[in-house]
Amino acid sequence: MAETVLKGPASYFPSIERKYGRPIADWRQVVRSGYPAKHMELVTLLKERGLGHGHANAVVAYTLAQDGLK
């Protein structure tokens, strides 16, 4: 079975899930609940819920890209 290699912001996801104890889907839902908002406003939203800056930035960047908003 081939191992999936995550690239870009998604490469942070395994460590985010381990560190904060919540699945990425939960964090992405928090981002979506903040729409419409600017990138850094969404980063702040995640930071207010306990994520570090770099992890919050990765989740926001990935979510915006996947949702076609970046």
N, C-alpha and C. Protein backbone atom coordinates (compact mmCIF):
# COMPACT_ATOMS: atom_id res chain seq x y z
N MET A 1 0.84 -1.17 0.00
CA MET A 1 0.00 0.00 0.00
C MET A 1 0.89 1.24 0.00
N ALA A 2 0.67 2.13 -0.94
CA ALA A 2 1.50 3.33 -1.07
C ALA A 2 1.12 4.37 -0.02
N GLU A 3 2.13 5.00 0.53
CA GLU A 3 1.92 6.05 1.52
C GLU A 3 1.63 7.37 0.80
N THR A 4 0.62 8.09 1.26
CA THR A 4 0.29 9.38 0.67
C THR A 4 1.23 10.43 1.25
N VAL A 5 1.87 11.19 0.37
CA VAL A 5 2.77 12.24 0.80
C VAL A 5 2.03 13.57 0.67
N LEU A 6 1.84 14.22 1.79
CA LEU A 6 1.17 15.51 1.79
C LEU A 6 2.17 16.60 1.44
N LYS A 7 1.73 17.56 0.65
CA LYS A 7 2.60 18.65 0.23
C LYS A 7 1.96 19.98 0.59
N GLY A 8 2.78 21.01 0.62
CA GLY A 8 2.28 22.35 0.91
C GLY A 8 1.69 22.45 2.30
N PRO A 9 0.67 23.29 2.47
CA PRO A 9 0.08 23.47 3.80
C PRO A 9 -0.42 22.17 4.42
N ALA A 10 -0.90 21.26 3.59
CA ALA A 10 -1.43 19.99 4.11
C ALA A 10 -0.36 19.16 4.81
N SER A 11 0.91 19.42 4.54
CA SER A 11 1.98 18.65 5.19
C SER A 11 1.99 18.88 6.70
N TYR A 12 1.36 19.95 7.16
CA TYR A 12 1.27 20.23 8.60
C TYR A 12 0.14 19.47 9.29
N PHE A 13 -0.80 18.94 8.52
CA PHE A 13 -2.02 18.38 9.10
C PHE A 13 -1.80 17.28 10.14
N PRO A 14 -0.93 16.30 9.88
CA PRO A 14 -0.74 15.26 10.91
C PRO A 14 -0.25 15.84 12.25
N SER A 15 0.68 16.80 12.20
CA SER A 15 1.17 17.37 13.46
C SER A 15 0.12 18.25 14.12
N ILE A 16 -0.71 18.93 13.33
CA ILE A 16 -1.79 19.75 13.90
C ILE A 16 -2.78 18.84 14.63
N GLU A 17 -3.15 17.75 14.02
CA GLU A 17 -4.09 16.83 14.66
C GLU A 17 -3.52 16.24 15.95
N ARG A 18 -2.24 15.88 15.92
CA ARG A 18 -1.61 15.34 17.14
C ARG A 18 -1.53 16.39 18.24
N LYS A 19 -1.09 17.59 17.88
CA LYS A 19 -0.85 18.62 18.88
C LYS A 19 -2.13 19.13 19.52
N TYR A 20 -3.18 19.33 18.71
CA TYR A 20 -4.40 19.97 19.22
C TYR A 20 -5.54 19.00 19.48
N GLY A 21 -5.38 17.74 19.08
CA GLY A 21 -6.36 16.71 19.40
C GLY A 21 -7.69 16.81 18.67
N ARG A 22 -7.71 17.54 17.57
CA ARG A 22 -8.94 17.66 16.77
C ARG A 22 -8.60 17.38 15.32
N PRO A 23 -9.53 16.77 14.59
CA PRO A 23 -9.27 16.51 13.18
C PRO A 23 -9.24 17.81 12.37
N ILE A 24 -8.52 17.79 11.28
CA ILE A 24 -8.41 18.96 10.40
C ILE A 24 -9.79 19.41 9.94
N ALA A 25 -10.69 18.48 9.71
CA ALA A 25 -12.04 18.84 9.26
C ALA A 25 -12.70 19.83 10.24
N ASP A 26 -12.45 19.66 11.53
CA ASP A 26 -13.00 20.59 12.53
C ASP A 26 -12.44 21.99 12.35
N TRP A 27 -11.13 22.08 12.15
CA TRP A 27 -10.48 23.38 11.99
C TRP A 27 -10.92 24.04 10.70
N ARG A 28 -11.07 23.24 9.65
CA ARG A 28 -11.53 23.79 8.37
C ARG A 28 -12.95 24.32 8.48
N GLN A 29 -13.77 23.68 9.30
CA GLN A 29 -15.13 24.16 9.50
C GLN A 29 -15.13 25.50 10.23
N VAL A 30 -14.21 25.67 11.17
CA VAL A 30 -14.07 26.96 11.86
C VAL A 30 -13.72 28.04 10.84
N VAL A 31 -12.81 27.73 9.93
CA VAL A 31 -12.44 28.69 8.89
C VAL A 31 -13.67 29.05 8.06
N ARG A 32 -14.40 28.06 7.62
CA ARG A 32 -15.58 28.31 6.78
C ARG A 32 -16.65 29.09 7.53
N SER A 33 -16.74 28.91 8.83
CA SER A 33 -17.72 29.66 9.61
C SER A 33 -17.40 31.15 9.65
N GLY A 34 -16.14 31.48 9.33
CA GLY A 34 -15.71 32.88 9.33
C GLY A 34 -15.86 33.57 7.99
N TYR A 35 -16.30 32.84 6.95
CA TYR A 35 -16.49 33.46 5.63
C TYR A 35 -17.63 34.47 5.69
N PRO A 36 -17.59 35.53 4.93
CA PRO A 36 -16.43 36.00 4.17
C PRO A 36 -15.49 36.78 5.09
N ALA A 37 -14.24 36.56 4.93
CA ALA A 37 -13.24 37.26 5.71
C ALA A 37 -11.91 37.18 4.97
N LYS A 38 -11.02 38.06 5.31
CA LYS A 38 -9.68 38.04 4.72
C LYS A 38 -8.85 36.95 5.38
N HIS A 39 -7.80 36.55 4.66
CA HIS A 39 -6.92 35.48 5.12
C HIS A 39 -6.48 35.68 6.58
N MET A 40 -5.93 36.83 6.88
CA MET A 40 -5.39 37.05 8.23
C MET A 40 -6.50 37.13 9.29
N GLU A 41 -7.68 37.54 8.91
CA GLU A 41 -8.80 37.51 9.86
C GLU A 41 -9.15 36.06 10.22
N LEU A 42 -9.07 35.19 9.24
CA LEU A 42 -9.34 33.77 9.49
C LEU A 42 -8.22 33.13 10.31
N VAL A 43 -6.98 33.54 10.07
CA VAL A 43 -5.87 33.06 10.89
C VAL A 43 -6.10 33.47 12.35
N THR A 44 -6.49 34.71 12.56
CA THR A 44 -6.77 35.20 13.91
C THR A 44 -7.89 34.40 14.56
N LEU A 45 -8.91 34.06 13.79
CA LEU A 45 -10.02 33.27 14.30
C LEU A 45 -9.53 31.93 14.85
N LEU A 46 -8.65 31.27 14.10
CA LEU A 46 -8.10 29.99 14.56
C LEU A 46 -7.17 30.17 15.76
N LYS A 47 -6.39 31.23 15.74
CA LYS A 47 -5.48 31.48 16.87
C LYS A 47 -6.27 31.73 18.15
N GLU A 48 -7.42 32.38 18.05
CA GLU A 48 -8.27 32.61 19.22
C GLU A 48 -8.81 31.31 19.78
N ARG A 49 -8.81 30.27 18.97
CA ARG A 49 -9.28 28.95 19.41
C ARG A 49 -8.14 28.02 19.77
N GLY A 50 -6.91 28.58 19.82
CA GLY A 50 -5.80 27.82 20.36
C GLY A 50 -4.71 27.38 19.40
N LEU A 51 -4.89 27.54 18.09
CA LEU A 51 -3.84 27.14 17.16
C LEU A 51 -2.71 28.16 17.16
N GLY A 52 -1.50 27.68 16.92
CA GLY A 52 -0.37 28.56 16.74
C GLY A 52 -0.47 29.25 15.38
N HIS A 53 0.29 30.30 15.19
CA HIS A 53 0.20 31.10 13.98
C HIS A 53 0.49 30.29 12.70
N GLY A 54 1.58 29.55 12.69
CA GLY A 54 1.94 28.78 11.50
C GLY A 54 0.92 27.72 11.16
N HIS A 55 0.42 27.02 12.16
CA HIS A 55 -0.60 26.00 11.92
C HIS A 55 -1.89 26.64 11.43
N ALA A 56 -2.28 27.74 12.04
CA ALA A 56 -3.50 28.44 11.61
C ALA A 56 -3.36 28.90 10.16
N ASN A 57 -2.22 29.45 9.82
CA ASN A 57 -1.97 29.92 8.46
C ASN A 57 -2.07 28.77 7.46
N ALA A 58 -1.53 27.61 7.80
CA ALA A 58 -1.59 26.45 6.91
C ALA A 58 -3.02 25.99 6.68
N VAL A 59 -3.81 25.93 7.74
CA VAL A 59 -5.21 25.49 7.61
C VAL A 59 -6.00 26.49 6.76
N VAL A 60 -5.80 27.77 7.01
CA VAL A 60 -6.52 28.79 6.23
C VAL A 60 -6.10 28.74 4.76
N ALA A 61 -4.82 28.69 4.48
CA ALA A 61 -4.35 28.67 3.10
C ALA A 61 -4.91 27.47 2.35
N TYR A 62 -4.87 26.31 2.97
CA TYR A 62 -5.38 25.10 2.34
C TYR A 62 -6.89 25.19 2.10
N THR A 63 -7.62 25.63 3.10
CA THR A 63 -9.08 25.70 3.00
C THR A 63 -9.50 26.69 1.93
N LEU A 64 -8.88 27.86 1.92
CA LEU A 64 -9.22 28.86 0.91
C LEU A 64 -8.93 28.32 -0.51
N ALA A 65 -7.80 27.66 -0.66
CA ALA A 65 -7.45 27.11 -1.97
C ALA A 65 -8.43 26.03 -2.40
N GLN A 66 -8.78 25.14 -1.48
CA GLN A 66 -9.70 24.06 -1.81
C GLN A 66 -11.10 24.59 -2.12
N ASP A 67 -11.48 25.68 -1.49
CA ASP A 67 -12.80 26.27 -1.71
C ASP A 67 -12.82 27.26 -2.87
N GLY A 68 -11.68 27.39 -3.55
CA GLY A 68 -11.58 28.27 -4.71
C GLY A 68 -11.64 29.75 -4.36
N LEU A 69 -11.23 30.10 -3.16
CA LEU A 69 -11.29 31.48 -2.71
C LEU A 69 -9.93 32.14 -2.67
N LYS A 70 -8.91 31.44 -3.10
CA LYS A 70 -7.55 32.02 -3.07
C LYS A 70 -7.02 32.10 -4.45
